[in-house]
Amino acid sequence: MASQTYYSNGKLLLTGEYIVLDGAEALAVPTRFGQNLVVKEGKSDFLKWTSFDVDQNIWFTDTIAIESIKNKKGSEQNSSVKNTLIEILHHAHIQNPEVLANRGYEVETHLTFPRNWGLGTSSTLINNIAQWFQIDAFKLLNSSFGGSGYDIACAQTDQPIVYQLIEEQPTFSVVPFNPSFKAHIYFVYLNQKQSSRSAIANYLTQRHKSVGIVSKINKITQQIIACKTLSEFAKLMEYHEILMSEILETTTIKERFFSDFKGVVKSLGAWGGDFIMVISPENPEAYFHEKGYDKVLKYHEIIYP
């Protein structure tokens, strides 16, 4: 067979982090960065898998027996990447056994962003595998990694969305979020990776405090989509950050690291890692560079146009 290539977008969650798990409306945007998956036929009974980072360096490679995938037989050595891959492929196989029947493959994955950026290394992989197997990516997520699924929705969509779990089922719709003041919105990488899984687990122990917050977050999300001025946008994002700080019993990222900054700083996704959003009338690059954060991206450099 000729090689088949699948692609999925990365993601950023602008509102509704954590509370999206309780049914809040969350504003999410796909990124310009993502991941490709290239599949071609290989030696029978085996899957040769090679993963490349953004610099085209191999960060994972292995040959896995198809039987190991069918029977979910993980590696006895301490190879969490291999075992996670087998887990995902096993659940994909359950949903569509035809793909791995009587044939082997050579598979390559190619990231277009650094692995530690937290833009969806796992979600883009799951969505790509789902495309390859022609199965439901949300079901594959639920049976492997878990999570709200907003990242899968971004992987499949080229425009901003409002994402919501209704009776635990994913629903999302494209929204006209294209702020005229986006030149004053920046994204700063914090130089540390935050595990979404552990952050979610921690939130689930606190969620009893979130009674009544879903409606507040829904209102903020809708106001942010509709707002016309930078000052209103900044106030709404600041209010969102304060609400989440109270629920999570965690000081805001601004209080912890950037208390002297003149603009607004908002956590994104799992608090304490990956990217933050910065809203500032002046270009804040010099401020963050001085603090040791050299990766400051403008809105148009990271968000899908």
Protein backbone atom coordinates (compact mmCIF):
# COMPACT_ATOMS: atom_id res chain seq x y z
CA MET A 1 0.00 0.00 0.00
CA ALA A 2 1.08 3.58 -0.54
CA SER A 3 1.77 5.51 2.62
CA GLN A 4 -1.15 7.26 4.30
CA THR A 5 -0.62 10.49 6.26
CA TYR A 6 -2.90 11.76 9.02
CA TYR A 7 -2.63 15.10 10.81
CA SER A 8 -4.09 16.58 14.01
CA ASN A 9 -3.91 20.09 15.49
CA GLY A 10 -2.50 20.93 18.89
CA LYS A 11 -4.64 22.83 21.41
CA LEU A 12 -4.89 25.55 24.02
CA LEU A 13 -7.74 25.88 26.52
CA LEU A 14 -8.45 29.57 27.17
CA THR A 15 -11.36 29.21 29.63
CA GLY A 16 -12.93 26.42 31.66
CA GLU A 17 -9.81 24.51 32.70
CA TYR A 18 -10.73 21.72 35.14
CA ILE A 19 -14.37 22.90 35.37
CA VAL A 20 -14.91 21.58 31.82
CA LEU A 21 -14.93 18.13 33.49
CA ASP A 22 -18.07 19.19 35.37
CA GLY A 23 -19.92 20.33 32.25
CA ALA A 24 -18.76 23.96 31.96
CA GLU A 25 -18.57 25.64 28.56
CA ALA A 26 -14.89 26.01 27.68
CA LEU A 27 -13.32 28.17 24.99
CA ALA A 28 -10.58 26.24 23.19
CA VAL A 29 -8.42 27.08 20.19
CA PRO A 30 -6.48 24.81 17.82
CA THR A 31 -2.83 25.72 17.32
CA ARG A 32 -0.71 26.12 14.21
CA PHE A 33 1.37 23.25 15.59
CA GLY A 34 0.37 19.58 15.59
CA GLN A 35 1.48 16.06 14.73
CA ASN A 36 1.58 13.88 11.61
CA LEU A 37 1.23 10.11 11.51
CA VAL A 38 2.54 8.29 8.42
CA VAL A 39 1.53 4.65 7.90
CA LYS A 40 2.81 2.19 5.30
CA GLU A 41 2.68 -1.56 5.03
CA GLY A 42 5.57 -3.38 6.69
CA LYS A 43 6.65 -6.86 7.71
CA SER A 44 3.77 -9.15 8.59
CA ASP A 45 2.94 -9.57 12.30
CA PHE A 46 5.01 -6.58 13.42
CA LEU A 47 4.57 -2.85 13.89
CA LYS A 48 7.78 -0.82 13.50
CA TRP A 49 7.16 2.51 15.22
CA THR A 50 9.41 5.58 15.04
CA SER A 51 8.62 8.95 16.64
CA PHE A 52 10.42 12.11 15.56
CA ASP A 53 10.55 15.37 17.47
CA VAL A 54 10.31 18.83 15.92
CA ASP A 55 14.04 18.75 15.05
CA GLN A 56 13.65 15.41 13.25
CA ASN A 57 15.50 13.56 16.00
CA ILE A 58 14.14 10.14 16.94
CA TRP A 59 12.82 10.24 20.52
CA PHE A 60 11.21 6.79 20.50
CA THR A 61 11.56 3.72 18.29
CA ASP A 62 10.61 0.08 18.75
CA THR A 63 9.26 -2.96 16.94
CA ILE A 64 6.13 -4.37 18.54
CA ALA A 65 4.56 -7.73 17.77
CA ILE A 66 0.97 -7.33 16.54
CA GLU A 67 0.00 -10.09 19.00
CA SER A 68 1.29 -7.90 21.87
CA ILE A 69 -1.14 -5.18 20.77
CA LYS A 70 -4.08 -7.57 20.38
CA ASN A 71 -3.46 -9.08 23.82
CA LYS A 72 -2.26 -5.84 25.47
CA LYS A 73 1.03 -7.42 26.46
CA GLY A 74 3.25 -4.58 27.66
CA SER A 75 7.01 -4.47 27.82
CA GLU A 76 8.56 -5.99 30.93
CA GLN A 77 11.30 -3.40 30.84
CA ASN A 78 10.39 -0.03 32.26
CA SER A 79 9.24 1.50 28.97
CA SER A 80 6.24 3.68 29.76
CA VAL A 81 6.14 5.10 26.20
CA LYS A 82 5.94 1.61 24.66
CA ASN A 83 3.36 0.42 27.17
CA THR A 84 1.21 3.51 26.64
CA LEU A 85 1.41 3.03 22.88
CA ILE A 86 0.39 -0.63 23.19
CA GLU A 87 -2.53 0.43 25.42
CA ILE A 88 -3.82 2.98 22.88
CA LEU A 89 -3.38 0.64 19.92
CA HIS A 90 -5.05 -2.22 21.83
CA HIS A 91 -8.17 -0.13 22.40
CA ALA A 92 -8.12 1.01 18.77
CA HIS A 93 -7.89 -2.65 17.72
CA ILE A 94 -10.92 -3.53 19.87
CA GLN A 95 -12.94 -0.84 18.07
CA ASN A 96 -11.78 -1.99 14.61
CA PRO A 97 -10.05 -5.42 14.46
CA GLU A 98 -9.72 -5.25 10.65
CA VAL A 99 -6.71 -2.91 10.62
CA LEU A 100 -4.25 -5.24 12.32
CA ALA A 101 -5.62 -8.43 10.75
CA ASN A 102 -2.90 -10.34 8.87
CA ARG A 103 -0.60 -7.43 8.12
CA GLY A 104 2.19 -5.38 9.64
CA TYR A 105 3.06 -1.71 9.36
CA GLU A 106 5.82 0.83 9.53
CA VAL A 107 4.60 3.94 11.32
CA GLU A 108 6.26 7.32 11.81
CA THR A 109 5.04 10.24 13.90
CA HIS A 110 6.33 13.77 13.35
CA LEU A 111 5.72 16.57 15.86
CA THR A 112 5.77 20.17 14.63
CA PHE A 113 6.25 21.57 18.17
CA PRO A 114 8.69 20.72 21.00
CA ARG A 115 7.45 17.75 23.04
CA ASN A 116 7.62 19.65 26.33
CA TRP A 117 5.31 22.46 25.19
CA GLY A 118 2.16 20.66 26.30
CA LEU A 119 0.20 21.43 23.13
CA GLY A 120 -1.16 17.91 22.78
CA THR A 121 1.47 15.23 22.12
CA SER A 122 -1.00 12.61 23.40
CA SER A 123 -4.24 14.02 21.99
CA THR A 124 -2.80 14.49 18.49
CA LEU A 125 -1.49 10.91 18.61
CA ILE A 126 -4.86 9.52 19.74
CA ASN A 127 -6.75 11.47 17.08
CA ASN A 128 -4.32 10.35 14.37
CA ILE A 129 -4.59 6.70 15.42
CA ALA A 130 -8.39 7.06 15.43
CA GLN A 131 -8.25 8.42 11.86
CA TRP A 132 -6.03 5.52 10.79
CA PHE A 133 -8.36 2.93 12.38
CA GLN A 134 -11.48 4.86 11.25
CA ILE A 135 -12.91 4.86 14.78
CA ASP A 136 -14.28 7.40 17.28
CA ALA A 137 -11.37 9.38 18.76
CA PHE A 138 -13.39 10.39 21.86
CA LYS A 139 -14.06 6.71 22.66
CA LEU A 140 -10.39 5.93 22.15
CA LEU A 141 -9.44 8.76 24.52
CA ASN A 142 -11.88 7.53 27.19
CA SER A 143 -10.60 3.97 27.03
CA SER A 144 -6.92 5.00 27.18
CA PHE A 145 -5.94 8.39 28.64
CA GLY A 146 -9.23 9.84 29.83
CA GLY A 147 -9.87 13.58 30.20
CA SER A 148 -12.54 15.99 29.04
CA GLY A 149 -11.86 15.51 25.31
CA TYR A 150 -11.59 19.21 24.38
CA ASP A 151 -8.12 18.46 23.00
CA ILE A 152 -9.57 15.84 20.62
CA ALA A 153 -12.13 18.40 19.42
CA CYS A 154 -9.29 20.87 18.70
CA ALA A 155 -7.33 18.14 16.92
CA GLN A 156 -10.23 17.80 14.49
CA THR A 157 -11.17 21.46 14.03
CA ASP A 158 -9.44 24.44 12.42
CA GLN A 159 -11.39 27.15 14.27
CA PRO A 160 -12.04 28.24 17.88
CA ILE A 161 -14.70 26.15 19.61
CA VAL A 162 -16.88 26.11 22.70
CA TYR A 163 -16.57 22.62 24.14
CA GLN A 164 -18.91 21.09 26.71
CA LEU A 165 -19.67 17.70 28.24
CA ILE A 166 -23.43 17.19 28.31
CA GLU A 167 -24.36 14.06 30.28
CA GLU A 168 -20.69 13.13 29.86
CA GLN A 169 -20.96 13.23 26.06
CA PRO A 170 -18.66 15.62 24.13
CA THR A 171 -20.34 18.46 22.27
CA PHE A 172 -18.64 21.37 20.57
CA SER A 173 -19.41 24.11 18.12
CA VAL A 174 -17.30 26.58 16.16
CA VAL A 175 -17.49 30.15 17.51
CA PRO A 176 -16.53 33.50 15.93
CA PHE A 177 -13.67 34.21 18.33
CA ASN A 178 -11.19 36.42 16.48
CA PRO A 179 -10.47 39.38 18.78
CA SER A 180 -9.58 42.66 17.09
CA PHE A 181 -7.08 43.25 19.94
CA LYS A 182 -5.22 39.92 19.52
CA ALA A 183 -1.96 41.81 18.88
CA HIS A 184 -1.97 42.39 22.68
CA ILE A 185 -2.39 38.70 23.59
CA TYR A 186 0.79 36.64 24.10
CA PHE A 187 1.63 33.11 25.17
CA VAL A 188 4.66 32.47 27.39
CA TYR A 189 6.18 29.02 27.89
CA LEU A 190 7.01 28.37 31.55
CA ASN A 191 9.88 25.94 30.87
CA GLN A 192 8.18 23.16 32.79
CA LYS A 193 5.86 20.35 31.81
CA GLN A 194 2.74 19.74 33.86
CA SER A 195 1.09 16.32 33.83
CA SER A 196 -2.55 16.73 32.82
CA ARG A 197 -3.38 13.37 34.37
CA SER A 198 -2.09 14.25 37.84
CA ALA A 199 -3.54 17.77 37.66
CA ILE A 200 -6.98 16.33 36.85
CA ALA A 201 -6.70 13.75 39.64
CA ASN A 202 -5.89 16.55 42.09
CA TYR A 203 -8.85 18.62 40.88
CA LEU A 204 -11.23 15.68 41.30
CA THR A 205 -10.43 15.64 45.03
CA GLN A 206 -11.37 19.36 45.23
CA ARG A 207 -14.39 19.40 42.90
CA HIS A 208 -16.97 19.36 45.74
CA LYS A 209 -16.07 23.04 46.20
CA SER A 210 -17.06 23.87 42.64
CA VAL A 211 -20.82 23.95 43.24
CA GLY A 212 -22.27 26.95 41.42
CA ILE A 213 -19.09 27.73 39.54
CA VAL A 214 -20.15 26.09 36.26
CA SER A 215 -22.73 28.81 35.55
CA LYS A 216 -20.16 31.52 36.39
CA ILE A 217 -17.58 30.01 34.01
CA ASN A 218 -20.25 29.62 31.29
CA LYS A 219 -21.09 33.31 31.60
CA ILE A 220 -17.42 34.33 31.44
CA THR A 221 -16.82 32.13 28.37
CA GLN A 222 -19.78 33.68 26.52
CA GLN A 223 -18.75 37.22 27.52
CA ILE A 224 -15.18 36.59 26.33
CA ILE A 225 -16.40 35.41 22.92
CA ALA A 226 -18.57 38.52 22.58
CA CYS A 227 -16.27 41.13 24.09
CA LYS A 228 -14.97 43.95 21.89
CA THR A 229 -12.23 45.65 23.93
CA LEU A 230 -8.90 44.62 25.37
CA SER A 231 -9.75 46.05 28.80
CA GLU A 232 -12.97 44.02 29.04
CA PHE A 233 -11.16 40.86 27.86
CA ALA A 234 -8.43 41.42 30.47
CA LYS A 235 -10.95 41.91 33.30
CA LEU A 236 -12.86 38.74 32.37
CA MET A 237 -9.70 36.63 32.21
CA GLU A 238 -8.51 38.05 35.52
CA TYR A 239 -11.87 37.23 37.15
CA HIS A 240 -11.66 33.68 35.72
CA GLU A 241 -8.18 33.27 37.23
CA ILE A 242 -9.36 34.43 40.68
CA LEU A 243 -12.35 32.04 40.63
CA MET A 244 -10.13 29.09 39.72
CA SER A 245 -7.55 30.08 42.31
CA GLU A 246 -10.25 29.81 44.99
CA ILE A 247 -11.50 26.42 43.76
CA LEU A 248 -8.01 24.92 43.44
CA GLU A 249 -6.80 26.57 46.67
CA THR A 250 -3.72 27.65 44.74
CA THR A 251 -2.23 31.10 44.42
CA THR A 252 -2.43 32.48 40.91
CA ILE A 253 0.58 32.22 38.63
CA LYS A 254 0.85 36.01 38.67
CA GLU A 255 1.00 36.16 42.47
CA ARG A 256 3.65 33.45 42.51
CA PHE A 257 6.01 34.61 39.79
CA PHE A 258 4.95 37.88 38.16
CA SER A 259 3.45 40.07 40.88
CA ASP A 260 5.16 43.21 39.52
CA PHE A 261 3.85 42.69 35.96
CA LYS A 262 1.55 45.45 34.74
CA GLY A 263 -0.77 43.29 32.60
CA VAL A 264 -2.93 40.21 33.19
CA VAL A 265 -1.47 36.70 33.45
CA LYS A 266 -3.75 33.67 33.10
CA SER A 267 -2.96 29.99 33.59
CA LEU A 268 -3.94 27.64 30.78
CA GLY A 269 -4.81 23.96 31.05
CA ALA A 270 -3.05 22.27 33.96
CA TRP A 271 -2.02 25.05 36.35
CA GLY A 272 1.69 25.45 36.99
CA GLY A 273 3.14 24.26 33.70
CA ASP A 274 3.21 24.62 29.95
CA PHE A 275 1.93 27.97 28.61
CA ILE A 276 0.36 31.00 30.24
CA MET A 277 -1.62 33.69 28.45
CA VAL A 278 -0.45 37.27 28.91
CA ILE A 279 -2.64 40.29 28.12
CA SER A 280 -0.70 43.52 27.86
CA PRO A 281 -1.07 46.84 26.00
CA GLU A 282 2.77 46.94 25.71
CA ASN A 283 4.92 44.19 24.25
CA PRO A 284 5.94 42.13 27.35
CA GLU A 285 8.85 40.22 25.79
CA ALA A 286 11.60 42.20 27.57
CA TYR A 287 9.92 41.64 30.97
CA PHE A 288 9.66 37.87 30.53
CA HIS A 289 13.10 37.51 28.95
CA GLU A 290 14.57 39.24 31.97
CA LYS A 291 12.77 36.73 34.20
CA GLY A 292 14.33 33.87 32.22
CA TYR A 293 11.34 32.97 30.03
CA ASP A 294 12.65 33.23 26.50
CA LYS A 295 9.73 31.67 24.61
CA VAL A 296 7.14 34.45 24.20
CA LEU A 297 4.81 33.87 21.24
CA LYS A 298 2.42 36.36 19.69
CA TYR A 299 -1.18 35.26 19.19
CA HIS A 300 -0.82 34.74 15.43
CA GLU A 301 2.37 32.73 15.92
CA ILE A 302 0.63 29.96 17.87
CA ILE A 303 -3.14 30.09 17.26
CA TYR A 304 -4.57 28.60 14.09
CA PRO A 305 -5.54 31.52 11.80
